[in-house]
PDB file of all heavy atoms in Angstrom:
ATOM      1  N   GLY A   1       0.777  -1.230  -0.029  1.00  0.00           N
ATOM      2  CA  GLY A   1       0.019  -0.004  -0.042  1.00  0.00           C
ATOM      3  C   GLY A   1       0.794   1.258   0.013  1.00  0.00           C
ATOM      4  O   GLY A   1       0.301   2.415   0.027  1.00  0.00           O
ATOM      5  N   GLU A   2       2.117   1.165  -0.012  1.00  0.00           N
ATOM      6  CA  GLU A   2       3.003   2.340  -0.007  1.00  0.00           C
ATOM      7  C   GLU A   2       3.771   2.503  -1.327  1.00  0.00           C
ATOM      8  O   GLU A   2       4.264   1.387  -1.859  1.00  0.00           O
ATOM      9  CB  GLU A   2       3.953   2.358   1.177  1.00  0.00           C
ATOM     10  CG  GLU A   2       3.256   2.640   2.463  1.00  0.00           C
ATOM     11  CD  GLU A   2       4.289   2.954   3.591  1.00  0.00           C
ATOM     12  OE1 GLU A   2       4.856   2.043   4.154  1.00  0.00           O
ATOM     13  OE2 GLU A   2       4.516   4.113   3.861  1.00  0.00           O
ATOM     14  N   ALA A   3       4.061   3.692  -1.760  1.00  0.00           N
ATOM     15  CA  ALA A   3       4.781   3.939  -3.092  1.00  0.00           C
ATOM     16  C   ALA A   3       6.198   4.000  -2.790  1.00  0.00           C
ATOM     17  O   ALA A   3       6.652   4.725  -1.894  1.00  0.00           O
ATOM     18  CB  ALA A   3       4.215   5.140  -3.708  1.00  0.00           C
ATOM     19  N   PHE A   4       7.030   3.335  -3.554  1.00  0.00           N
ATOM     20  CA  PHE A   4       8.535   3.372  -3.433  1.00  0.00           C
ATOM     21  C   PHE A   4       9.143   3.744  -4.731  1.00  0.00           C
ATOM     22  O   PHE A   4       8.529   3.427  -5.861  1.00  0.00           O
ATOM     23  CB  PHE A   4       9.053   2.001  -3.020  1.00  0.00           C
ATOM     24  CG  PHE A   4       8.736   1.656  -1.593  1.00  0.00           C
ATOM     25  CD1 PHE A   4       7.534   1.146  -1.201  1.00  0.00           C
ATOM     26  CD2 PHE A   4       9.748   1.790  -0.573  1.00  0.00           C
ATOM     27  CE1 PHE A   4       7.227   0.783   0.132  1.00  0.00           C
ATOM     28  CE2 PHE A   4       9.453   1.432   0.678  1.00  0.00           C
ATOM     29  CZ  PHE A   4       8.221   1.012   1.059  1.00  0.00           C
ATOM     30  N   LEU A   5      10.218   4.401  -4.691  1.00  0.00           N
ATOM     31  CA  LEU A   5      10.942   4.812  -5.977  1.00  0.00           C
ATOM     32  C   LEU A   5      12.377   4.935  -5.662  1.00  0.00           C
ATOM     33  O   LEU A   5      12.856   4.690  -4.505  1.00  0.00           O
ATOM     34  CB  LEU A   5      10.405   6.236  -6.453  1.00  0.00           C
ATOM     35  CG  LEU A   5      10.769   7.474  -5.646  1.00  0.00           C
ATOM     36  CD1 LEU A   5      10.422   8.671  -6.443  1.00  0.00           C
ATOM     37  CD2 LEU A   5       9.954   7.527  -4.406  1.00  0.00           C
ATOM     38  N   HIS A   6      13.216   5.223  -6.700  1.00  0.00           N
ATOM     39  CA  HIS A   6      14.672   5.363  -6.426  1.00  0.00           C
ATOM     40  C   HIS A   6      14.958   6.468  -5.424  1.00  0.00           C
ATOM     41  O   HIS A   6      14.352   7.539  -5.523  1.00  0.00           O
ATOM     42  CB  HIS A   6      15.301   5.678  -7.829  1.00  0.00           C
ATOM     43  CG  HIS A   6      16.791   5.504  -7.806  1.00  0.00           C
ATOM     44  ND1 HIS A   6      17.648   6.368  -7.211  1.00  0.00           N
ATOM     45  CD2 HIS A   6      17.635   4.535  -8.308  1.00  0.00           C
ATOM     46  CE1 HIS A   6      18.911   5.940  -7.331  1.00  0.00           C
ATOM     47  NE2 HIS A   6      18.858   4.790  -7.994  1.00  0.00           N
ATOM     48  N   GLY A   7      15.925   6.165  -4.599  1.00  0.00           N
ATOM     49  CA  GLY A   7      16.284   7.075  -3.491  1.00  0.00           C
ATOM     50  C   GLY A   7      16.706   8.427  -4.004  1.00  0.00           C
ATOM     51  O   GLY A   7      16.406   9.469  -3.378  1.00  0.00           O
ATOM     52  N   GLU A   8      17.524   8.538  -5.137  1.00  0.00           N
ATOM     53  CA  GLU A   8      17.949   9.881  -5.576  1.00  0.00           C
ATOM     54  C   GLU A   8      16.727  10.692  -6.091  1.00  0.00           C
ATOM     55  O   GLU A   8      16.665  11.915  -5.896  1.00  0.00           O
ATOM     56  CB  GLU A   8      19.012   9.694  -6.708  1.00  0.00           C
ATOM     57  CG  GLU A   8      20.290   9.170  -6.265  1.00  0.00           C
ATOM     58  CD  GLU A   8      20.912  10.022  -5.193  1.00  0.00           C
ATOM     59  OE1 GLU A   8      20.727  11.296  -5.255  1.00  0.00           O
ATOM     60  OE2 GLU A   8      21.651   9.534  -4.318  1.00  0.00           O
ATOM     61  N   MET A   9      15.737  10.020  -6.774  1.00  0.00           N
ATOM     62  CA  MET A   9      14.600  10.714  -7.200  1.00  0.00           C
ATOM     63  C   MET A   9      13.775  11.221  -6.054  1.00  0.00           C
ATOM     64  O   MET A   9      13.253  12.313  -6.066  1.00  0.00           O
ATOM     65  CB  MET A   9      13.798   9.804  -8.103  1.00  0.00           C
ATOM     66  CG  MET A   9      12.778  10.605  -9.055  1.00  0.00           C
ATOM     67  SD  MET A   9      13.628  11.587 -10.151  1.00  0.00           S
ATOM     68  CE  MET A   9      12.273  12.621 -10.784  1.00  0.00           C
ATOM     69  N   ALA A  10      13.627  10.397  -5.024  1.00  0.00           N
ATOM     70  CA  ALA A  10      12.869  10.771  -3.870  1.00  0.00           C
ATOM     71  C   ALA A  10      13.560  12.042  -3.172  1.00  0.00           C
ATOM     72  O   ALA A  10      12.865  12.950  -2.740  1.00  0.00           O
ATOM     73  CB  ALA A  10      12.878   9.561  -2.829  1.00  0.00           C
ATOM     74  N   ARG A  11      14.881  11.984  -3.062  1.00  0.00           N
ATOM     75  CA  ARG A  11      15.587  13.181  -2.423  1.00  0.00           C
ATOM     76  C   ARG A  11      15.415  14.423  -3.298  1.00  0.00           C
ATOM     77  O   ARG A  11      15.225  15.495  -2.729  1.00  0.00           O
ATOM     78  CB  ARG A  11      17.077  12.810  -2.277  1.00  0.00           C
ATOM     79  CG  ARG A  11      17.344  12.034  -0.947  1.00  0.00           C
ATOM     80  CD  ARG A  11      18.887  11.937  -0.801  1.00  0.00           C
ATOM     81  NE  ARG A  11      19.468  10.942  -1.599  1.00  0.00           N
ATOM     82  CZ  ARG A  11      19.622   9.729  -1.335  1.00  0.00           C
ATOM     83  NH1 ARG A  11      19.342   9.285  -0.167  1.00  0.00           N
ATOM     84  NH2 ARG A  11      20.184   8.905  -2.115  1.00  0.00           N
ATOM     85  N   PHE A  12      15.534  14.330  -4.584  1.00  0.00           N
ATOM     86  CA  PHE A  12      15.322  15.383  -5.450  1.00  0.00           C
ATOM     87  C   PHE A  12      13.961  16.018  -5.264  1.00  0.00           C
ATOM     88  O   PHE A  12      13.777  17.257  -5.192  1.00  0.00           O
ATOM     89  CB  PHE A  12      15.552  14.925  -6.958  1.00  0.00           C
ATOM     90  CG  PHE A  12      15.027  15.980  -7.995  1.00  0.00           C
ATOM     91  CD1 PHE A  12      15.664  17.168  -8.099  1.00  0.00           C
ATOM     92  CD2 PHE A  12      14.109  15.600  -8.913  1.00  0.00           C
ATOM     93  CE1 PHE A  12      15.294  18.148  -8.949  1.00  0.00           C
ATOM     94  CE2 PHE A  12      13.725  16.491  -9.867  1.00  0.00           C
ATOM     95  CZ  PHE A  12      14.231  17.715  -9.941  1.00  0.00           C
ATOM     96  N   MET A  13      12.892  15.203  -5.305  1.00  0.00           N
ATOM     97  CA  MET A  13      11.541  15.787  -5.243  1.00  0.00           C
ATOM     98  C   MET A  13      11.245  16.309  -3.835  1.00  0.00           C
ATOM     99  O   MET A  13      10.581  17.304  -3.692  1.00  0.00           O
ATOM    100  CB  MET A  13      10.507  14.725  -5.640  1.00  0.00           C
ATOM    101  CG  MET A  13      10.561  14.397  -7.101  1.00  0.00           C
ATOM    102  SD  MET A  13       9.058  13.530  -7.669  1.00  0.00           S
ATOM    103  CE  MET A  13       9.325  12.023  -6.925  1.00  0.00           C
ATOM    104  N   ALA A  14      11.828  15.741  -2.784  1.00  0.00           N
ATOM    105  CA  ALA A  14      11.682  16.292  -1.509  1.00  0.00           C
ATOM    106  C   ALA A  14      12.278  17.639  -1.322  1.00  0.00           C
ATOM    107  O   ALA A  14      11.664  18.556  -0.734  1.00  0.00           O
ATOM    108  CB  ALA A  14      12.253  15.297  -0.412  1.00  0.00           C
ATOM    109  N   GLU A  15      13.515  17.810  -2.021  1.00  0.00           N
ATOM    110  CA  GLU A  15      14.061  19.174  -1.922  1.00  0.00           C
ATOM    111  C   GLU A  15      13.328  20.127  -2.787  1.00  0.00           C
ATOM    112  O   GLU A  15      13.281  21.319  -2.380  1.00  0.00           O
ATOM    113  CB  GLU A  15      15.497  19.049  -2.494  1.00  0.00           C
ATOM    114  CG  GLU A  15      16.301  20.350  -2.330  1.00  0.00           C
ATOM    115  CD  GLU A  15      17.731  20.270  -2.764  1.00  0.00           C
ATOM    116  OE1 GLU A  15      18.246  19.206  -3.051  1.00  0.00           O
ATOM    117  OE2 GLU A  15      18.411  21.393  -2.880  1.00  0.00           O
ATOM    118  N   CYS A  16      12.714  19.673  -3.904  1.00  0.00           N
ATOM    119  CA  CYS A  16      11.834  20.548  -4.687  1.00  0.00           C
ATOM    120  C   CYS A  16      10.703  21.136  -3.859  1.00  0.00           C
ATOM    121  O   CYS A  16      10.423  22.324  -3.868  1.00  0.00           O
ATOM    122  CB  CYS A  16      11.269  19.815  -5.858  1.00  0.00           C
ATOM    123  SG  CYS A  16      12.486  19.567  -7.232  1.00  0.00           S
ATOM    124  N   CYS A  17      10.183  20.248  -3.025  1.00  0.00           N
ATOM    125  CA  CYS A  17       8.985  20.646  -2.133  1.00  0.00           C
ATOM    126  C   CYS A  17       9.522  21.652  -1.038  1.00  0.00           C
ATOM    127  O   CYS A  17       8.779  22.615  -0.802  1.00  0.00           O
ATOM    128  CB  CYS A  17       8.437  19.393  -1.434  1.00  0.00           C
ATOM    129  SG  CYS A  17       7.504  18.258  -2.464  1.00  0.00           S
ATOM    130  N   ARG A  18      10.696  21.355  -0.570  1.00  0.00           N
ATOM    131  CA  ARG A  18      11.216  22.334   0.458  1.00  0.00           C
ATOM    132  C   ARG A  18      11.542  23.706  -0.147  1.00  0.00           C
ATOM    133  O   ARG A  18      11.455  24.682   0.624  1.00  0.00           O
ATOM    134  CB  ARG A  18      12.537  21.705   1.078  1.00  0.00           C
ATOM    135  CG  ARG A  18      12.329  20.592   1.982  1.00  0.00           C
ATOM    136  CD  ARG A  18      13.551  20.284   2.821  1.00  0.00           C
ATOM    137  NE  ARG A  18      14.675  19.842   2.043  1.00  0.00           N
ATOM    138  CZ  ARG A  18      14.898  18.623   1.677  1.00  0.00           C
ATOM    139  NH1 ARG A  18      14.119  17.618   2.045  1.00  0.00           N
ATOM    140  NH2 ARG A  18      16.002  18.306   0.953  1.00  0.00           N
ATOM    141  N   CYS A  19      11.789  23.748  -1.503  1.00  0.00           N
ATOM    142  CA  CYS A  19      12.069  25.020  -2.055  1.00  0.00           C
ATOM    143  C   CYS A  19      10.736  25.802  -2.290  1.00  0.00           C
ATOM    144  O   CYS A  19      10.704  27.056  -2.663  1.00  0.00           O
ATOM    145  CB  CYS A  19      12.684  24.772  -3.471  1.00  0.00           C
ATOM    146  SG  CYS A  19      14.475  24.298  -3.417  1.00  0.00           S
ATOM    147  N   GLY A  20       9.590  25.168  -2.149  1.00  0.00           N
ATOM    148  CA  GLY A  20       8.310  25.797  -2.274  1.00  0.00           C
ATOM    149  C   GLY A  20       7.530  25.481  -3.405  1.00  0.00           C
ATOM    150  O   GLY A  20       6.467  26.005  -3.661  1.00  0.00           O
ATOM    151  N   MET A  21       8.007  24.517  -4.204  1.00  0.00           N
ATOM    152  CA  MET A  21       7.220  23.945  -5.392  1.00  0.00           C
ATOM    153  C   MET A  21       6.167  23.002  -4.911  1.00  0.00           C
ATOM    154  O   MET A  21       6.310  22.289  -4.038  1.00  0.00           O
ATOM    155  CB  MET A  21       8.105  23.242  -6.385  1.00  0.00           C
ATOM    156  CG  MET A  21       9.246  24.033  -6.920  1.00  0.00           C
ATOM    157  SD  MET A  21      10.355  22.965  -7.967  1.00  0.00           S
ATOM    158  CE  MET A  21      12.015  23.583  -7.648  1.00  0.00           C
ATOM    159  N   SER A  22       5.040  23.113  -5.648  1.00  0.00           N
ATOM    160  CA  SER A  22       3.977  22.099  -5.534  1.00  0.00           C
ATOM    161  C   SER A  22       4.243  21.048  -6.529  1.00  0.00           C
ATOM    162  O   SER A  22       4.084  21.346  -7.715  1.00  0.00           O
ATOM    163  CB  SER A  22       2.630  22.752  -5.685  1.00  0.00           C
ATOM    164  OG  SER A  22       1.545  21.796  -5.618  1.00  0.00           O
ATOM    165  N   VAL A  23       4.636  19.856  -6.112  1.00  0.00           N
ATOM    166  CA  VAL A  23       5.226  18.852  -7.070  1.00  0.00           C
ATOM    167  C   VAL A  23       4.254  17.684  -7.332  1.00  0.00           C
ATOM    168  O   VAL A  23       3.683  17.120  -6.401  1.00  0.00           O
ATOM    169  CB  VAL A  23       6.554  18.321  -6.484  1.00  0.00           C
ATOM    170  CG1 VAL A  23       7.119  17.233  -7.383  1.00  0.00           C
ATOM    171  CG2 VAL A  23       7.537  19.434  -6.307  1.00  0.00           C
ATOM    172  N   GLY A  24       4.166  17.353  -8.638  1.00  0.00           N
ATOM    173  CA  GLY A  24       3.531  16.056  -9.103  1.00  0.00           C
ATOM    174  C   GLY A  24       4.518  15.302  -9.735  1.00  0.00           C
ATOM    175  O   GLY A  24       5.643  15.787 -10.275  1.00  0.00           O
ATOM    176  N   TYR A  25       4.368  13.957  -9.817  1.00  0.00           N
ATOM    177  CA  TYR A  25       5.333  13.004 -10.351  1.00  0.00           C
ATOM    178  C   TYR A  25       4.580  12.075 -11.292  1.00  0.00           C
ATOM    179  O   TYR A  25       3.798  11.264 -10.855  1.00  0.00           O
ATOM    180  CB  TYR A  25       5.999  12.203  -9.273  1.00  0.00           C
ATOM    181  CG  TYR A  25       7.031  11.236  -9.746  1.00  0.00           C
ATOM    182  CD1 TYR A  25       7.963  11.530 -10.646  1.00  0.00           C
ATOM    183  CD2 TYR A  25       7.185   9.968  -9.051  1.00  0.00           C
ATOM    184  CE1 TYR A  25       8.913  10.605 -11.037  1.00  0.00           C
ATOM    185  CE2 TYR A  25       8.165   9.099  -9.364  1.00  0.00           C
ATOM    186  CZ  TYR A  25       9.027   9.402 -10.351  1.00  0.00           C
ATOM    187  OH  TYR A  25       9.988   8.496 -10.736  1.00  0.00           O
ATOM    188  N   ALA A  26       4.829  12.216 -12.586  1.00  0.00           N
ATOM    189  CA  ALA A  26       4.292  11.384 -13.647  1.00  0.00           C
ATOM    190  C   ALA A  26       5.148  10.312 -14.058  1.00  0.00           C
ATOM    191  O   ALA A  26       6.262  10.561 -14.574  1.00  0.00           O
ATOM    192  CB  ALA A  26       3.856  12.205 -14.913  1.00  0.00           C
ATOM    193  N   THR A  27       4.829   9.088 -13.777  1.00  0.00           N
ATOM    194  CA  THR A  27       5.770   7.964 -14.059  1.00  0.00           C
ATOM    195  C   THR A  27       5.011   6.656 -14.290  1.00  0.00           C
ATOM    196  O   THR A  27       3.780   6.572 -14.123  1.00  0.00           O
ATOM    197  CB  THR A  27       6.713   7.820 -12.875  1.00  0.00           C
ATOM    198  OG1 THR A  27       7.750   6.901 -13.272  1.00  0.00           O
ATOM    199  CG2 THR A  27       6.045   7.316 -11.590  1.00  0.00           C
ATOM    200  N   ILE A  28       5.757   5.542 -14.625  1.00  0.00           N
ATOM    201  CA  ILE A  28       5.239   4.278 -14.767  1.00  0.00           C
ATOM    202  C   ILE A  28       5.116   3.628 -13.422  1.00  0.00           C
ATOM    203  O   ILE A  28       6.055   3.676 -12.669  1.00  0.00           O
ATOM    204  CB  ILE A  28       6.087   3.415 -15.722  1.00  0.00           C
ATOM    205  CG1 ILE A  28       6.191   4.069 -17.092  1.00  0.00           C
ATOM    206  CG2 ILE A  28       5.541   1.998 -15.771  1.00  0.00           C
ATOM    207  CD1 ILE A  28       4.831   4.043 -17.948  1.00  0.00           C
ATOM    208  N   VAL A  29       3.949   2.960 -13.096  1.00  0.00           N
ATOM    209  CA  VAL A  29       3.785   2.215 -11.913  1.00  0.00           C
ATOM    210  C   VAL A  29       3.875   0.771 -12.223  1.00  0.00           C
ATOM    211  O   VAL A  29       3.112   0.187 -13.039  1.00  0.00           O
ATOM    212  CB  VAL A  29       2.425   2.478 -11.307  1.00  0.00           C
ATOM    213  CG1 VAL A  29       2.163   1.646  -9.967  1.00  0.00           C
ATOM    214  CG2 VAL A  29       2.159   4.015 -10.977  1.00  0.00           C
ATOM    215  N   LEU A  30       4.942   0.055 -11.686  1.00  0.00           N
ATOM    216  CA  LEU A  30       5.244  -1.256 -11.921  1.00  0.00           C
ATOM    217  C   LEU A  30       4.714  -2.250 -10.802  1.00  0.00           C
ATOM    218  O   LEU A  30       4.805  -1.839  -9.620  1.00  0.00           O
ATOM    219  CB  LEU A  30       6.774  -1.520 -12.026  1.00  0.00           C
ATOM    220  CG  LEU A  30       7.444  -0.917 -13.325  1.00  0.00           C
ATOM    221  CD1 LEU A  30       8.931  -1.214 -13.176  1.00  0.00           C
ATOM    222  CD2 LEU A  30       6.856  -1.465 -14.609  1.00  0.00           C
ATOM    223  N   GLU A  31       4.373  -3.407 -11.138  1.00  0.00           N
ATOM    224  CA  GLU A  31       4.106  -4.457 -10.066  1.00  0.00           C
ATOM    225  C   GLU A  31       5.473  -4.855  -9.501  1.00  0.00           C
ATOM    226  O   GLU A  31       6.465  -4.763 -10.170  1.00  0.00           O
ATOM    227  CB  GLU A  31       3.393  -5.710 -10.688  1.00  0.00           C
ATOM    228  CG  GLU A  31       2.032  -5.333 -11.320  1.00  0.00           C
ATOM    229  CD  GLU A  31       1.492  -6.623 -11.981  1.00  0.00           C
ATOM    230  OE1 GLU A  31       2.046  -7.750 -11.798  1.00  0.00           O
ATOM    231  OE2 GLU A  31       0.508  -6.462 -12.665  1.00  0.00           O
ATOM    232  N   GLU A  32       5.358  -5.313  -8.304  1.00  0.00           N
ATOM    233  CA  GLU A  32       6.691  -5.617  -7.595  1.00  0.00           C
ATOM    234  C   GLU A  32       7.537  -6.667  -8.366  1.00  0.00           C
ATOM    235  O   GLU A  32       8.778  -6.580  -8.528  1.00  0.00           O
ATOM    236  CB  GLU A  32       6.481  -6.153  -6.210  1.00  0.00           C
ATOM    237  CG  GLU A  32       7.705  -6.232  -5.365  1.00  0.00           C
ATOM    238  CD  GLU A  32       7.443  -6.405  -3.930  1.00  0.00           C
ATOM    239  OE1 GLU A  32       6.276  -6.511  -3.562  1.00  0.00           O
ATOM    240  OE2 GLU A  32       8.400  -6.478  -3.139  1.00  0.00           O
ATOM    241  N   LYS A  33       6.909  -7.702  -8.924  1.00  0.00           N
ATOM    242  CA  LYS A  33       7.605  -8.673  -9.708  1.00  0.00           C
ATOM    243  C   LYS A  33       8.374  -8.087 -10.905  1.00  0.00           C
ATOM    244  O   LYS A  33       9.399  -8.552 -11.278  1.00  0.00           O
ATOM    245  CB  LYS A  33       6.766  -9.772 -10.135  1.00  0.00           C
ATOM    246  CG  LYS A  33       5.610  -9.433 -11.114  1.00  0.00           C
ATOM    247  CD  LYS A  33       4.776 -10.690 -11.476  1.00  0.00           C
ATOM    248  CE  LYS A  33       3.687 -10.302 -12.445  1.00  0.00           C
ATOM    249  NZ  LYS A  33       2.811 -11.483 -12.800  1.00  0.00           N
ATOM    250  N   LEU A  34       7.751  -7.057 -11.550  1.00  0.00           N
ATOM    251  CA  LEU A  34       8.410  -6.338 -12.634  1.00  0.00           C
ATOM    252  C   LEU A  34       9.559  -5.458 -12.204  1.00  0.00           C
ATOM    253  O   LEU A  34      10.495  -5.318 -12.834  1.00  0.00           O
ATOM    254  CB  LEU A  34       7.457  -5.595 -13.516  1.00  0.00           C
ATOM    255  CG  LEU A  34       6.537  -6.356 -14.463  1.00  0.00           C
ATOM    256  CD1 LEU A  34       5.512  -5.422 -15.127  1.00  0.00           C
ATOM    257  CD2 LEU A  34       7.325  -7.056 -15.486  1.00  0.00           C
ATOM    258  N   GLU A  35       9.308  -4.891 -11.085  1.00  0.00           N
ATOM    259  CA  GLU A  35      10.318  -3.962 -10.563  1.00  0.00           C
ATOM    260  C   GLU A  35      11.680  -4.666 -10.362  1.00  0.00           C
ATOM    261  O   GLU A  35      12.753  -4.090 -10.538  1.00  0.00           O
ATOM    262  CB  GLU A  35       9.866  -3.396  -9.162  1.00  0.00           C
ATOM    263  CG  GLU A  35      10.776  -2.357  -8.605  1.00  0.00           C
ATOM    264  CD  GLU A  35      11.409  -2.852  -7.312  1.00  0.00           C
ATOM    265  OE1 GLU A  35      10.808  -3.636  -6.566  1.00  0.00           O
ATOM    266  OE2 GLU A  35      12.572  -2.509  -7.030  1.00  0.00           O
ATOM    267  N   LYS A  36      11.594  -5.934  -9.955  1.00  0.00           N
ATOM    268  CA  LYS A  36      12.901  -6.700  -9.746  1.00  0.00           C
ATOM    269  C   LYS A  36      13.683  -6.818 -11.027  1.00  0.00           C
ATOM    270  O   LYS A  36      14.889  -7.103 -10.870  1.00  0.00           O
ATOM    271  CB  LYS A  36      12.526  -8.056  -9.132  1.00  0.00           C
ATOM    272  CG  LYS A  36      11.839  -7.967  -7.765  1.00  0.00           C
ATOM    273  CD  LYS A  36      11.556  -9.371  -7.245  1.00  0.00           C
ATOM    274  CE  LYS A  36      10.921  -9.278  -5.872  1.00  0.00           C
ATOM    275  NZ  LYS A  36      10.441 -10.505  -5.320  1.00  0.00           N
ATOM    276  N   THR A  37      13.125  -6.718 -12.182  1.00  0.00           N
ATOM    277  CA  THR A  37      13.811  -6.820 -13.340  1.00  0.00           C
ATOM    278  C   THR A  37      14.133  -5.607 -14.118  1.00  0.00           C
ATOM    279  O   THR A  37      14.747  -5.500 -15.079  1.00  0.00           O
ATOM    280  CB  THR A  37      13.150  -7.824 -14.387  1.00  0.00           C
ATOM    281  OG1 THR A  37      11.850  -7.247 -14.796  1.00  0.00           O
ATOM    282  CG2 THR A  37      12.867  -9.142 -13.786  1.00  0.00           C
ATOM    283  N   ARG A  38      13.543  -4.481 -13.621  1.00  0.00           N
ATOM    284  CA  ARG A  38      13.628  -3.171 -14.321  1.00  0.00           C
ATOM    285  C   ARG A  38      14.155  -2.029 -13.581  1.00  0.00           C
ATOM    286  O   ARG A  38      14.754  -1.149 -14.068  1.00  0.00           O
ATOM    287  CB  ARG A  38      12.260  -2.769 -14.854  1.00  0.00           C
ATOM    288  CG  ARG A  38      11.621  -3.662 -15.878  1.00  0.00           C
ATOM    289  CD  ARG A  38      10.429  -3.024 -16.472  1.00  0.00           C
ATOM    290  NE  ARG A  38       9.746  -3.843 -17.374  1.00  0.00           N
ATOM    291  CZ  ARG A  38       8.796  -3.508 -18.247  1.00  0.00           C
ATOM    292  NH1 ARG A  38       8.449  -2.254 -18.246  1.00  0.00           N
ATOM    293  NH2 ARG A  38       8.246  -4.406 -19.027  1.00  0.00           N
ATOM    294  N   ASN A  39      13.899  -1.979 -12.208  1.00  0.00           N
ATOM    295  CA  ASN A  39      14.110  -0.643 -11.533  1.00  0.00           C
ATOM    296  C   ASN A  39      14.440  -0.832 -10.141  1.00  0.00           C
ATOM    297  O   ASN A  39      13.962  -1.748  -9.471  1.00  0.00           O
ATOM    298  CB  ASN A  39      12.767   0.036 -11.661  1.00  0.00           C
ATOM    299  CG  ASN A  39      12.906   1.462 -11.090  1.00  0.00           C
ATOM    300  OD1 ASN A  39      13.685   2.318 -11.566  1.00  0.00           O
ATOM    301  ND2 ASN A  39      12.103   1.757 -10.098  1.00  0.00           N
ATOM    302  N   LEU A  40      15.183   0.051  -9.492  1.00  0.00           N
ATOM    303  CA  LEU A  40      15.525   0.057  -8.076  1.00  0.00           C
ATOM    304  C   LEU A  40      14.585   1.021  -7.391  1.00  0.00           C
ATOM    305  O   LEU A  40      14.544   2.214  -7.732  1.00  0.00           O
ATOM    306  CB  LEU A  40      16.931   0.536  -7.883  1.00  0.00           C
ATOM    307  CG  LEU A  40      17.373   0.716  -6.411  1.00  0.00           C
ATOM    308  CD1 LEU A  40      17.278  -0.614  -5.724  1.00  0.00           C
ATOM    309  CD2 LEU A  40      18.716   1.282  -6.392  1.00  0.00           C
ATOM    310  N   ALA A  41      13.704   0.533  -6.461  1.00  0.00           N
ATOM    311  CA  ALA A  41      12.769   1.331  -5.773  1.00  0.00           C
ATOM    312  C   ALA A  41      13.080   1.103  -4.283  1.00  0.00           C
ATOM    313  O   ALA A  41      12.618   0.149  -3.720  1.00  0.00           O
ATOM    314  CB  ALA A  41      11.354   1.024  -6.151  1.00  0.00           C
TER     315      ALA A  41
END
């Protein structure tokens, strides 16, 4: 039930929020079994 993503992307967007931006993130949502072959979350 919780969203996970790459740590560097998470830090980048967290800093954008601290700068005062209202941030949205448009991306592909993968099932966990696919994430193991494609992406580090």
